[in-house]
Amino acid sequence: MIIFHQYGARRTGTNYTQALLEENFSNIVVLDNITWKHDPLPPQINFYKSWIENPEKHYIKTCAQRYDLYESITNILEQDQLKTIVNVKDPYAWVESLWRYTQNVHLIKADERNSKYLFLDCNKDLTEQNVNLVQTIRTYNDRYNSWCRTTDHVLRYEDVLTNYESILNYFQETYNLIPIFKDLMNIKTGCDPMPINLKTIMPEWNYADYYLNKKYLKNLPTNIIETITENIDWNLFGVYGYEPI
């Protein structure tokens, strides 16, 4: 059994990647909450302690819900052999997607939002949120600096979206994964119910067209684009092919 833990900011394709791997191969599990996948990478001892103290908590929340893996996961953690996947997205696309997501999470209490890295205020226009956005980007930079220092794989959302077969082939060959079906498949399900799948209300919606042709930029006010450009750590994200505009 190949076991990964994944990390990534909200709206970078973490759930999509997890489902792609787990629904195509029978001998892989992608954990996301031994420590919360949106939190900075913890010291290894904290990671191990979190699992040992309450594995039931992590079984319930992971999409896999594999109760037969306790011994395998414990052994991997004890030997410090857990592999990691980090999902990343074009910073401009990430801000626009996070803004749409924020407008769908109004049920989260205001005093809880900061702890969930949701600093944007759904009750204000995006043009008025430079200060909130700077704080949001600061956490984005800090967390990716933490995650990317030691990760085994960094997956760009844009590549997962358009080249999922190539990515699945790579993982299959690298880790001797056992396919469930004759052919590799795009996911049938997802783990994150919010926001709703846009195709259910917009049948012509095309994720690849929206992201690869950067149509999301039309939804970002000029001052917000400038704030992103000035505050993103381009030395870090430039390594993954992202550039300021």
C-alpha atoms as a PDB file:
ATOM      1  CA  MET A   1       0.000   0.000   0.000  1.00  0.00           C
ATOM      2  CA  ILE A   2       1.316   3.438  -0.998  1.00  0.00           C
ATOM      3  CA  ILE A   3       0.291   6.156   1.446  1.00  0.00           C
ATOM      4  CA  PHE A   4       0.612   9.886   0.854  1.00  0.00           C
ATOM      5  CA  HIS A   5      -0.313  12.911   2.888  1.00  0.00           C
ATOM      6  CA  GLN A   6      -1.282  15.930   0.851  1.00  0.00           C
ATOM      7  CA  TYR A   7      -1.097  19.673   1.360  1.00  0.00           C
ATOM      8  CA  GLY A   8      -2.341  22.697  -0.501  1.00  0.00           C
ATOM      9  CA  ALA A   9      -4.303  25.888  -0.047  1.00  0.00           C
ATOM     10  CA  ARG A  10      -8.044  25.819  -0.507  1.00  0.00           C
ATOM     11  CA  ARG A  11      -9.138  25.850  -4.147  1.00  0.00           C
ATOM     12  CA  THR A  12      -5.932  24.355  -5.549  1.00  0.00           C
ATOM     13  CA  GLY A  13      -7.302  20.939  -6.522  1.00  0.00           C
ATOM     14  CA  THR A  14      -6.522  18.902  -3.402  1.00  0.00           C
ATOM     15  CA  ASN A  15      -9.838  17.034  -3.393  1.00  0.00           C
ATOM     16  CA  TYR A  16      -9.696  16.513  -7.145  1.00  0.00           C
ATOM     17  CA  THR A  17      -6.199  15.021  -6.943  1.00  0.00           C
ATOM     18  CA  GLN A  18      -7.104  12.772  -4.032  1.00  0.00           C
ATOM     19  CA  ALA A  19     -10.157  11.409  -5.808  1.00  0.00           C
ATOM     20  CA  LEU A  20      -8.284  10.902  -9.081  1.00  0.00           C
ATOM     21  CA  LEU A  21      -5.656   8.729  -7.423  1.00  0.00           C
ATOM     22  CA  GLU A  22      -7.938   6.784  -5.105  1.00  0.00           C
ATOM     23  CA  GLU A  23     -10.625   6.099  -7.704  1.00  0.00           C
ATOM     24  CA  ASN A  24      -8.135   4.834 -10.284  1.00  0.00           C
ATOM     25  CA  PHE A  25      -5.836   2.678  -8.149  1.00  0.00           C
ATOM     26  CA  SER A  26      -6.528   0.095  -5.484  1.00  0.00           C
ATOM     27  CA  ASN A  27      -3.266   0.334  -3.533  1.00  0.00           C
ATOM     28  CA  ILE A  28      -2.955   4.051  -2.812  1.00  0.00           C
ATOM     29  CA  VAL A  29      -4.433   6.233  -0.084  1.00  0.00           C
ATOM     30  CA  VAL A  30      -4.075  10.011   0.044  1.00  0.00           C
ATOM     31  CA  LEU A  31      -4.548  11.249   3.601  1.00  0.00           C
ATOM     32  CA  ASP A  32      -5.424  14.868   4.182  1.00  0.00           C
ATOM     33  CA  ASN A  33      -5.936  15.447   7.866  1.00  0.00           C
ATOM     34  CA  ILE A  34      -3.460  13.709  10.149  1.00  0.00           C
ATOM     35  CA  THR A  35      -2.592  17.350  10.247  1.00  0.00           C
ATOM     36  CA  TRP A  36      -5.027  19.538   8.337  1.00  0.00           C
ATOM     37  CA  LYS A  37      -3.921  19.685   4.715  1.00  0.00           C
ATOM     38  CA  HIS A  38      -4.331  23.471   4.643  1.00  0.00           C
ATOM     39  CA  ASP A  39      -2.036  24.011   7.663  1.00  0.00           C
ATOM     40  CA  PRO A  40       1.754  24.512   7.504  1.00  0.00           C
ATOM     41  CA  LEU A  41       3.866  21.368   7.653  1.00  0.00           C
ATOM     42  CA  PRO A  42       4.318  20.359  11.324  1.00  0.00           C
ATOM     43  CA  PRO A  43       7.424  18.814  12.920  1.00  0.00           C
ATOM     44  CA  GLN A  44       7.473  15.053  12.326  1.00  0.00           C
ATOM     45  CA  ILE A  45       7.019  14.267  16.028  1.00  0.00           C
ATOM     46  CA  ASN A  46       3.791  16.286  16.098  1.00  0.00           C
ATOM     47  CA  PHE A  47       2.580  14.501  13.008  1.00  0.00           C
ATOM     48  CA  TYR A  48       3.196  11.061  14.533  1.00  0.00           C
ATOM     49  CA  LYS A  49       1.656  12.081  17.858  1.00  0.00           C
ATOM     50  CA  SER A  50      -1.488  13.366  16.142  1.00  0.00           C
ATOM     51  CA  TRP A  51      -2.016  10.023  14.431  1.00  0.00           C
ATOM     52  CA  ILE A  52      -1.277   7.805  17.420  1.00  0.00           C
ATOM     53  CA  GLU A  53      -3.514   9.739  19.800  1.00  0.00           C
ATOM     54  CA  ASN A  54      -6.641   9.732  17.655  1.00  0.00           C
ATOM     55  CA  PRO A  55      -6.555   7.651  14.455  1.00  0.00           C
ATOM     56  CA  GLU A  56     -10.359   7.368  14.484  1.00  0.00           C
ATOM     57  CA  LYS A  57     -10.630  11.110  13.917  1.00  0.00           C
ATOM     58  CA  HIS A  58      -8.506  10.865  10.797  1.00  0.00           C
ATOM     59  CA  TYR A  59     -10.261   7.808   9.419  1.00  0.00           C
ATOM     60  CA  ILE A  60     -13.615   9.533   9.608  1.00  0.00           C
ATOM     61  CA  LYS A  61     -12.522  12.642   7.777  1.00  0.00           C
ATOM     62  CA  THR A  62     -10.364  11.212   5.022  1.00  0.00           C
ATOM     63  CA  CYS A  63     -12.154  10.462   1.771  1.00  0.00           C
ATOM     64  CA  ALA A  64     -10.669   6.968   1.737  1.00  0.00           C
ATOM     65  CA  GLN A  65     -12.092   5.869   5.117  1.00  0.00           C
ATOM     66  CA  ARG A  66      -9.831   2.812   5.097  1.00  0.00           C
ATOM     67  CA  TYR A  67     -10.046   1.278   8.540  1.00  0.00           C
ATOM     68  CA  ASP A  68      -7.683  -1.558   7.622  1.00  0.00           C
ATOM     69  CA  LEU A  69      -4.655   0.697   7.253  1.00  0.00           C
ATOM     70  CA  TYR A  70      -3.827   1.483  10.878  1.00  0.00           C
ATOM     71  CA  GLU A  71      -0.744  -0.733  11.028  1.00  0.00           C
ATOM     72  CA  SER A  72       0.554   0.381   7.627  1.00  0.00           C
ATOM     73  CA  ILE A  73       0.207   4.071   8.427  1.00  0.00           C
ATOM     74  CA  THR A  74       1.699   3.654  11.876  1.00  0.00           C
ATOM     75  CA  ASN A  75       4.738   1.831  10.493  1.00  0.00           C
ATOM     76  CA  ILE A  76       5.295   4.445   7.816  1.00  0.00           C
ATOM     77  CA  LEU A  77       5.122   7.254  10.366  1.00  0.00           C
ATOM     78  CA  GLU A  78       7.437   5.475  12.780  1.00  0.00           C
ATOM     79  CA  GLN A  79      10.012   5.075  10.017  1.00  0.00           C
ATOM     80  CA  ASP A  80       9.549   8.655   8.797  1.00  0.00           C
ATOM     81  CA  GLN A  81       8.719   7.381   5.317  1.00  0.00           C
ATOM     82  CA  LEU A  82       5.436   9.143   4.638  1.00  0.00           C
ATOM     83  CA  LYS A  83       5.406  10.672   1.163  1.00  0.00           C
ATOM     84  CA  THR A  84       3.721  13.978   0.437  1.00  0.00           C
ATOM     85  CA  ILE A  85       1.898  15.672  -2.427  1.00  0.00           C
ATOM     86  CA  VAL A  86       1.448  19.444  -2.648  1.00  0.00           C
ATOM     87  CA  ASN A  87      -1.149  21.043  -4.914  1.00  0.00           C
ATOM     88  CA  VAL A  88      -0.535  24.533  -6.265  1.00  0.00           C
ATOM     89  CA  LYS A  89      -2.435  26.899  -8.552  1.00  0.00           C
ATOM     90  CA  ASP A  90      -1.715  30.098 -10.468  1.00  0.00           C
ATOM     91  CA  PRO A  91      -1.905  32.785  -7.740  1.00  0.00           C
ATOM     92  CA  TYR A  92      -4.310  34.967  -9.742  1.00  0.00           C
ATOM     93  CA  ALA A  93      -6.607  32.012 -10.415  1.00  0.00           C
ATOM     94  CA  TRP A  94      -6.360  30.983  -6.775  1.00  0.00           C
ATOM     95  CA  VAL A  95      -7.507  34.401  -5.492  1.00  0.00           C
ATOM     96  CA  GLU A  96     -10.432  34.501  -7.910  1.00  0.00           C
ATOM     97  CA  SER A  97     -11.476  30.953  -6.994  1.00  0.00           C
ATOM     98  CA  LEU A  98     -11.060  31.622  -3.279  1.00  0.00           C
ATOM     99  CA  TRP A  99     -13.263  34.693  -3.611  1.00  0.00           C
ATOM    100  CA  ARG A 100     -16.045  32.652  -5.216  1.00  0.00           C
ATOM    101  CA  TYR A 101     -15.590  30.009  -2.520  1.00  0.00           C
ATOM    102  CA  THR A 102     -15.770  32.622   0.243  1.00  0.00           C
ATOM    103  CA  GLN A 103     -19.146  33.735  -1.017  1.00  0.00           C
ATOM    104  CA  ASN A 104     -20.383  30.161  -0.578  1.00  0.00           C
ATOM    105  CA  VAL A 105     -19.212  29.675   2.997  1.00  0.00           C
ATOM    106  CA  HIS A 106     -21.377  32.257   4.725  1.00  0.00           C
ATOM    107  CA  LEU A 107     -22.443  29.657   7.267  1.00  0.00           C
ATOM    108  CA  ILE A 108     -18.968  29.666   8.800  1.00  0.00           C
ATOM    109  CA  LYS A 109     -18.960  31.970  11.805  1.00  0.00           C
ATOM    110  CA  ALA A 110     -17.041  35.197  11.338  1.00  0.00           C
ATOM    111  CA  ASP A 111     -14.737  34.498  14.306  1.00  0.00           C
ATOM    112  CA  GLU A 112     -13.794  31.113  12.788  1.00  0.00           C
ATOM    113  CA  ARG A 113     -12.876  32.320   9.325  1.00  0.00           C
ATOM    114  CA  ASN A 114      -9.332  33.437  10.082  1.00  0.00           C
ATOM    115  CA  SER A 115      -8.500  30.043  11.565  1.00  0.00           C
ATOM    116  CA  LYS A 116      -9.561  28.500   8.248  1.00  0.00           C
ATOM    117  CA  TYR A 117      -7.437  30.910   6.158  1.00  0.00           C
ATOM    118  CA  LEU A 118     -10.559  32.671   4.925  1.00  0.00           C
ATOM    119  CA  PHE A 119      -9.616  36.294   5.422  1.00  0.00           C
ATOM    120  CA  LEU A 120     -11.733  37.663   2.583  1.00  0.00           C
ATOM    121  CA  ASP A 121     -15.046  39.126   3.706  1.00  0.00           C
ATOM    122  CA  CYS A 122     -18.046  37.843   1.772  1.00  0.00           C
ATOM    123  CA  ASN A 123     -20.041  40.897   2.900  1.00  0.00           C
ATOM    124  CA  LYS A 124     -17.735  43.378   1.146  1.00  0.00           C
ATOM    125  CA  ASP A 125     -16.954  44.004  -2.488  1.00  0.00           C
ATOM    126  CA  LEU A 126     -13.673  42.452  -3.592  1.00  0.00           C
ATOM    127  CA  THR A 127     -12.344  45.869  -4.632  1.00  0.00           C
ATOM    128  CA  GLU A 128     -12.426  46.933  -0.955  1.00  0.00           C
ATOM    129  CA  GLN A 129     -10.344  44.046   0.367  1.00  0.00           C
ATOM    130  CA  ASN A 130      -6.728  44.915  -0.296  1.00  0.00           C
ATOM    131  CA  VAL A 131      -5.811  44.616   3.387  1.00  0.00           C
ATOM    132  CA  ASN A 132      -7.584  41.274   3.766  1.00  0.00           C
ATOM    133  CA  LEU A 133      -6.005  40.024   0.571  1.00  0.00           C
ATOM    134  CA  VAL A 134      -2.485  40.922   1.698  1.00  0.00           C
ATOM    135  CA  GLN A 135      -3.080  38.866   4.839  1.00  0.00           C
ATOM    136  CA  THR A 136      -4.456  35.992   2.754  1.00  0.00           C
ATOM    137  CA  ILE A 137      -1.462  36.050   0.406  1.00  0.00           C
ATOM    138  CA  ARG A 138       0.957  36.152   3.334  1.00  0.00           C
ATOM    139  CA  THR A 139      -0.440  32.849   4.603  1.00  0.00           C
ATOM    140  CA  TYR A 140      -0.293  31.462   1.049  1.00  0.00           C
ATOM    141  CA  ASN A 141       3.400  32.317   0.733  1.00  0.00           C
ATOM    142  CA  ASP A 142       4.261  31.029   4.203  1.00  0.00           C
ATOM    143  CA  ARG A 143       2.447  27.727   3.837  1.00  0.00           C
ATOM    144  CA  TYR A 144       3.907  26.934   0.432  1.00  0.00           C
ATOM    145  CA  ASN A 145       7.380  27.770   1.649  1.00  0.00           C
ATOM    146  CA  SER A 146       6.760  25.244   4.425  1.00  0.00           C
ATOM    147  CA  TRP A 147       5.243  22.535   2.227  1.00  0.00           C
ATOM    148  CA  CYS A 148       7.543  22.752  -0.770  1.00  0.00           C
ATOM    149  CA  ARG A 149      10.787  22.440   1.179  1.00  0.00           C
ATOM    150  CA  THR A 150      10.371  18.712   1.707  1.00  0.00           C
ATOM    151  CA  THR A 151       7.533  17.452  -0.502  1.00  0.00           C
ATOM    152  CA  ASP A 152       7.933  14.535  -2.864  1.00  0.00           C
ATOM    153  CA  HIS A 153       5.612  15.911  -5.548  1.00  0.00           C
ATOM    154  CA  VAL A 154       4.197  19.316  -6.482  1.00  0.00           C
ATOM    155  CA  LEU A 155       1.156  19.085  -8.747  1.00  0.00           C
ATOM    156  CA  ARG A 156      -0.017  22.160 -10.620  1.00  0.00           C
ATOM    157  CA  TYR A 157      -3.782  22.479 -10.774  1.00  0.00           C
ATOM    158  CA  GLU A 158      -3.562  23.383 -14.450  1.00  0.00           C
ATOM    159  CA  ASP A 159      -1.719  20.133 -15.218  1.00  0.00           C
ATOM    160  CA  VAL A 160      -4.089  17.972 -13.184  1.00  0.00           C
ATOM    161  CA  LEU A 161      -7.005  19.608 -14.974  1.00  0.00           C
ATOM    162  CA  THR A 162      -5.742  19.041 -18.508  1.00  0.00           C
ATOM    163  CA  ASN A 163      -3.221  16.176 -18.288  1.00  0.00           C
ATOM    164  CA  TYR A 164      -4.697  13.931 -15.623  1.00  0.00           C
ATOM    165  CA  GLU A 165      -3.873  10.779 -17.619  1.00  0.00           C
ATOM    166  CA  SER A 166      -0.183  11.692 -17.805  1.00  0.00           C
ATOM    167  CA  ILE A 167      -0.102  12.345 -14.070  1.00  0.00           C
ATOM    168  CA  LEU A 168      -1.877   9.083 -13.299  1.00  0.00           C
ATOM    169  CA  ASN A 169       0.512   7.209 -15.608  1.00  0.00           C
ATOM    170  CA  TYR A 170       3.465   8.772 -13.817  1.00  0.00           C
ATOM    171  CA  PHE A 171       2.222   7.727 -10.369  1.00  0.00           C
ATOM    172  CA  GLN A 172       1.332   4.259 -11.627  1.00  0.00           C
ATOM    173  CA  GLU A 173       4.809   3.673 -13.070  1.00  0.00           C
ATOM    174  CA  THR A 174       6.686   5.283 -10.179  1.00  0.00           C
ATOM    175  CA  TYR A 175       4.862   3.464  -7.381  1.00  0.00           C
ATOM    176  CA  ASN A 176       3.648   0.299  -9.123  1.00  0.00           C
ATOM    177  CA  LEU A 177       0.035   1.232  -8.564  1.00  0.00           C
ATOM    178  CA  ILE A 178      -2.656  -1.290  -9.389  1.00  0.00           C
ATOM    179  CA  PRO A 179      -5.396   0.086 -11.669  1.00  0.00           C
ATOM    180  CA  ILE A 180      -8.992  -0.572 -10.734  1.00  0.00           C
ATOM    181  CA  PHE A 181     -10.315  -0.285 -14.289  1.00  0.00           C
ATOM    182  CA  LYS A 182      -8.980  -1.220 -17.704  1.00  0.00           C
ATOM    183  CA  ASP A 183      -8.613   2.444 -18.658  1.00  0.00           C
ATOM    184  CA  LEU A 184      -7.682   5.426 -16.524  1.00  0.00           C
ATOM    185  CA  MET A 185     -10.725   7.486 -15.686  1.00  0.00           C
ATOM    186  CA  ASN A 186     -11.502  11.043 -14.715  1.00  0.00           C
ATOM    187  CA  ILE A 187     -13.206  11.186 -11.339  1.00  0.00           C
ATOM    188  CA  LYS A 188     -16.856  10.271 -10.906  1.00  0.00           C
ATOM    189  CA  THR A 189     -17.143  11.877  -7.502  1.00  0.00           C
ATOM    190  CA  GLY A 190     -15.553  14.555  -5.376  1.00  0.00           C
ATOM    191  CA  CYS A 191     -14.992  15.028  -1.678  1.00  0.00           C
ATOM    192  CA  ASP A 192     -15.825  18.722  -1.400  1.00  0.00           C
ATOM    193  CA  PRO A 193     -19.513  19.647  -1.793  1.00  0.00           C
ATOM    194  CA  MET A 194     -18.907  23.386  -1.862  1.00  0.00           C
ATOM    195  CA  PRO A 195     -19.094  25.275  -4.127  1.00  0.00           C
ATOM    196  CA  ILE A 196     -21.487  23.205  -6.202  1.00  0.00           C
ATOM    197  CA  ASN A 197     -20.361  21.795  -9.517  1.00  0.00           C
ATOM    198  CA  LEU A 198     -20.902  24.643 -11.945  1.00  0.00           C
ATOM    199  CA  LYS A 199     -21.913  22.260 -14.715  1.00  0.00           C
ATOM    200  CA  THR A 200     -25.155  21.561 -12.871  1.00  0.00           C
ATOM    201  CA  ILE A 201     -26.257  25.154 -13.392  1.00  0.00           C
ATOM    202  CA  MET A 202     -24.068  26.120 -16.371  1.00  0.00           C
ATOM    203  CA  PRO A 203     -23.974  23.171 -18.800  1.00  0.00           C
ATOM    204  CA  GLU A 204     -21.490  24.957 -21.093  1.00  0.00           C
ATOM    205  CA  TRP A 205     -19.020  25.557 -18.252  1.00  0.00           C
ATOM    206  CA  ASN A 206     -15.528  24.348 -19.138  1.00  0.00           C
ATOM    207  CA  TYR A 207     -12.890  24.308 -16.427  1.00  0.00           C
ATOM    208  CA  ALA A 208      -9.992  23.961 -18.855  1.00  0.00           C
ATOM    209  CA  ASP A 209     -11.171  26.897 -20.949  1.00  0.00           C
ATOM    210  CA  TYR A 210     -11.759  29.056 -17.871  1.00  0.00           C
ATOM    211  CA  TYR A 211      -8.368  28.411 -16.310  1.00  0.00           C
ATOM    212  CA  LEU A 212      -6.018  27.798 -19.228  1.00  0.00           C
ATOM    213  CA  ASN A 213      -7.285  30.802 -21.157  1.00  0.00           C
ATOM    214  CA  LYS A 214      -7.200  32.823 -17.936  1.00  0.00           C
ATOM    215  CA  LYS A 215     -10.786  34.019 -18.213  1.00  0.00           C
ATOM    216  CA  TYR A 216     -10.807  34.345 -14.427  1.00  0.00           C
ATOM    217  CA  LEU A 217      -8.799  37.556 -14.811  1.00  0.00           C
ATOM    218  CA  LYS A 218     -11.980  39.286 -15.994  1.00  0.00           C
ATOM    219  CA  ASN A 219     -13.402  38.787 -12.498  1.00  0.00           C
ATOM    220  CA  LEU A 220     -10.452  40.413 -10.715  1.00  0.00           C
ATOM    221  CA  PRO A 221     -10.517  44.197 -10.255  1.00  0.00           C
ATOM    222  CA  THR A 222      -7.378  46.089 -11.306  1.00  0.00           C
ATOM    223  CA  ASN A 223      -6.394  46.961  -7.735  1.00  0.00           C
ATOM    224  CA  ILE A 224      -6.702  43.316  -6.704  1.00  0.00           C
ATOM    225  CA  ILE A 225      -4.500  42.175  -9.597  1.00  0.00           C
ATOM    226  CA  GLU A 226      -1.913  44.744  -8.493  1.00  0.00           C
ATOM    227  CA  THR A 227      -2.092  43.517  -4.890  1.00  0.00           C
ATOM    228  CA  ILE A 228      -1.513  39.933  -6.019  1.00  0.00           C
ATOM    229  CA  THR A 229       1.401  40.955  -8.227  1.00  0.00           C
ATOM    230  CA  GLU A 230       3.068  42.953  -5.461  1.00  0.00           C
ATOM    231  CA  ASN A 231       2.681  40.405  -2.645  1.00  0.00           C
ATOM    232  CA  ILE A 232       3.067  36.919  -4.086  1.00  0.00           C
ATOM    233  CA  ASP A 233       6.467  35.282  -3.541  1.00  0.00           C
ATOM    234  CA  TRP A 234       7.375  34.965  -7.208  1.00  0.00           C
ATOM    235  CA  ASN A 235      10.764  33.460  -6.391  1.00  0.00           C
ATOM    236  CA  LEU A 236       8.861  30.477  -5.014  1.00  0.00           C
ATOM    237  CA  PHE A 237       5.965  30.239  -7.450  1.00  0.00           C
ATOM    238  CA  GLY A 238       8.134  31.029 -10.451  1.00  0.00           C
ATOM    239  CA  VAL A 239       9.772  27.631  -9.939  1.00  0.00           C
ATOM    240  CA  TYR A 240       6.433  26.091 -10.898  1.00  0.00           C
ATOM    241  CA  GLY A 241       5.979  28.217 -13.997  1.00  0.00           C
ATOM    242  CA  TYR A 242       3.857  31.046 -12.618  1.00  0.00           C
ATOM    243  CA  GLU A 243       4.686  34.636 -13.496  1.00  0.00           C
ATOM    244  CA  PRO A 244       3.429  38.113 -12.507  1.00  0.00           C
ATOM    245  CA  ILE A 245       1.341  39.965 -15.057  1.00  0.00           C
END
